[in-house]
């Protein structure tokens, strides 16, 4: 992978492939590499939010204070608060947004580049949630 995305080529098919139940891939700050964690509570130090773009408002006006991804028409912001998932979602809701949920390789790459360009390489918290030992998308 490229230095910008911090994804070694030997892990590309694993990280960008189908998700395993109760597992997440993150850049582990203690190991300085991608690590797969399964059946564990994860608390990472940043999160992504993505408000919806309204059809009647031009993207450049609707994304004020956010980064625009022209490929999917969404706006993103990387927060620097070290909080758990519930608090991160509340913060996003205060902006009229939600934690990001990734639906394509392009969207995944955009969020990774945005994170790294803002100096955050310890992982990102997105719209997944663990309940009763089960991890899933909201």
Protein backbone atom coordinates (compact mmCIF):
# COMPACT_ATOMS: atom_id res chain seq x y z
CA UNK A 1 0.00 0.00 0.00
CA UNK A 2 0.97 3.62 -0.22
CA UNK A 3 2.58 5.47 2.66
CA UNK A 4 -0.46 7.72 2.79
CA UNK A 5 -2.86 4.85 3.39
CA UNK A 6 -0.61 2.79 5.69
CA UNK A 7 -1.84 -0.48 4.18
CA UNK A 8 0.77 -3.13 3.31
CA UNK A 9 -0.02 -4.95 0.07
CA UNK A 10 -0.07 -8.35 1.81
CA UNK A 11 -2.99 -7.15 3.99
CA UNK A 12 -5.04 -5.44 1.28
CA UNK A 13 -7.31 -8.41 0.56
CA UNK A 14 -7.85 -9.01 4.30
CA UNK A 15 -8.54 -5.40 5.31
CA UNK A 16 -10.65 -4.54 2.25
CA UNK A 17 -12.41 -7.91 2.11
CA UNK A 18 -15.59 -9.07 3.77
CA UNK A 19 -15.74 -8.41 7.51
CA UNK A 20 -15.51 -11.25 10.00
CA UNK A 21 -18.13 -11.36 12.73
CA UNK A 22 -17.00 -9.54 15.90
CA UNK A 23 -13.71 -8.37 14.34
CA UNK A 24 -12.16 -5.04 13.38
CA UNK A 25 -8.90 -4.00 11.68
CA UNK A 26 -7.12 -0.99 13.18
CA UNK A 27 -3.66 0.54 13.09
CA UNK A 28 -2.40 -0.48 16.53
CA UNK A 29 -0.35 2.43 17.97
CA UNK A 30 1.60 0.08 20.25
CA UNK A 31 2.62 -2.20 17.39
CA UNK A 32 2.69 0.49 14.63
CA UNK A 33 0.98 -1.87 12.21
CA UNK A 34 -2.46 -3.10 11.11
CA UNK A 35 -3.84 -5.58 13.63
CA UNK A 36 -7.05 -7.59 13.62
CA UNK A 37 -8.96 -7.57 16.90
CA UNK A 38 -11.81 -9.99 17.48
CA UNK A 39 -14.29 -10.22 20.36
CA UNK A 40 -12.69 -7.30 22.22
CA UNK A 41 -13.92 -3.90 23.35
CA UNK A 42 -12.11 -1.30 21.26
CA UNK A 43 -11.72 2.35 22.26
CA UNK A 44 -9.81 4.33 19.65
CA UNK A 45 -8.94 7.99 19.77
CA UNK A 46 -10.75 9.53 16.78
CA UNK A 47 -13.98 9.26 14.91
CA UNK A 48 -15.43 10.26 11.56
CA UNK A 49 -18.76 11.93 10.94
CA UNK A 50 -20.68 12.35 7.72
CA UNK A 51 -23.70 14.65 7.42
CA UNK A 52 -26.01 14.13 4.48
CA UNK A 53 -25.85 16.61 1.63
CA UNK A 54 -29.23 18.13 0.82
CA UNK A 55 -30.12 18.15 -2.89
CA UNK A 56 -31.19 21.81 -2.83
CA UNK A 57 -27.94 23.12 -1.26
CA UNK A 58 -24.64 23.17 -3.21
CA UNK A 59 -22.04 20.84 -1.65
CA UNK A 60 -19.53 23.65 -1.05
CA UNK A 61 -22.08 25.45 1.15
CA UNK A 62 -23.43 22.33 2.86
CA UNK A 63 -19.92 21.08 3.79
CA UNK A 64 -18.83 24.21 5.66
CA UNK A 65 -16.38 23.10 8.36
CA UNK A 66 -16.16 19.60 6.84
CA UNK A 67 -14.12 17.90 4.11
CA UNK A 68 -15.99 17.10 0.90
CA UNK A 69 -15.67 13.78 -0.90
CA UNK A 70 -16.84 14.65 -4.40
CA UNK A 71 -16.99 10.97 -5.38
CA UNK A 72 -19.88 10.19 -3.02
CA UNK A 73 -21.28 13.69 -2.35
CA UNK A 74 -20.80 13.38 1.42
CA UNK A 75 -19.03 15.59 3.93
CA UNK A 76 -16.65 14.27 6.60
CA UNK A 77 -14.95 15.61 9.69
CA UNK A 78 -12.29 13.99 11.86
CA UNK A 79 -12.67 14.78 15.55
CA UNK A 80 -9.80 14.68 18.01
CA UNK A 81 -11.74 13.87 21.20
CA UNK A 82 -10.83 10.58 22.89
CA UNK A 83 -14.31 9.24 23.58
CA UNK A 84 -16.23 5.98 23.35
CA UNK A 85 -18.71 5.14 20.59
CA UNK A 86 -21.79 6.45 22.42
CA UNK A 87 -20.28 9.86 23.15
CA UNK A 88 -18.82 10.08 19.62
CA UNK A 89 -22.29 9.45 18.16
CA UNK A 90 -23.77 12.15 20.45
CA UNK A 91 -21.14 14.63 19.25
CA UNK A 92 -21.98 13.76 15.65
CA UNK A 93 -25.69 14.19 16.36
CA UNK A 94 -24.98 17.70 17.66
CA UNK A 95 -23.70 18.49 14.14
CA UNK A 96 -26.76 16.89 12.56
CA UNK A 97 -24.59 13.96 11.50
CA UNK A 98 -23.74 10.34 12.31
CA UNK A 99 -20.58 8.32 12.65
CA UNK A 100 -19.44 7.32 9.19
CA UNK A 101 -20.23 3.88 7.83
CA UNK A 102 -18.04 2.71 4.97
CA UNK A 103 -19.71 1.19 1.94
CA UNK A 104 -16.95 1.17 -0.70
CA UNK A 105 -13.19 0.97 -1.17
CA UNK A 106 -13.23 4.56 -2.41
CA UNK A 107 -14.97 5.79 0.74
CA UNK A 108 -12.59 3.76 2.92
CA UNK A 109 -9.56 5.28 1.15
CA UNK A 110 -10.95 8.82 1.47
CA UNK A 111 -11.50 8.44 5.23
CA UNK A 112 -8.03 6.92 5.72
CA UNK A 113 -6.36 9.74 3.73
CA UNK A 114 -8.35 12.36 5.64
CA UNK A 115 -7.36 10.78 8.97
CA UNK A 116 -3.67 10.59 8.11
CA UNK A 117 -3.57 14.10 6.64
CA UNK A 118 -4.94 15.38 9.96
CA UNK A 119 -2.23 13.49 11.88
CA UNK A 120 -4.45 10.73 13.26
CA UNK A 121 -2.95 7.29 12.69
CA UNK A 122 -4.07 5.40 15.82
CA UNK A 123 -7.34 4.21 14.32
CA UNK A 124 -10.75 5.56 13.54
CA UNK A 125 -14.08 4.90 15.16
CA UNK A 126 -16.91 4.59 12.66
CA UNK A 127 -20.55 3.53 12.75
CA UNK A 128 -20.10 0.04 14.16
CA UNK A 129 -21.29 -0.95 17.60
CA UNK A 130 -20.83 -3.90 19.93
CA UNK A 131 -23.76 -5.14 22.02
CA UNK A 132 -23.81 -8.29 24.12
CA UNK A 133 -20.50 -9.42 22.66
CA UNK A 134 -21.72 -8.97 19.07
CA UNK A 135 -20.28 -6.30 16.77
CA UNK A 136 -22.35 -4.96 13.90
CA UNK A 137 -23.19 -1.96 11.73
CA UNK A 138 -25.86 0.45 12.90
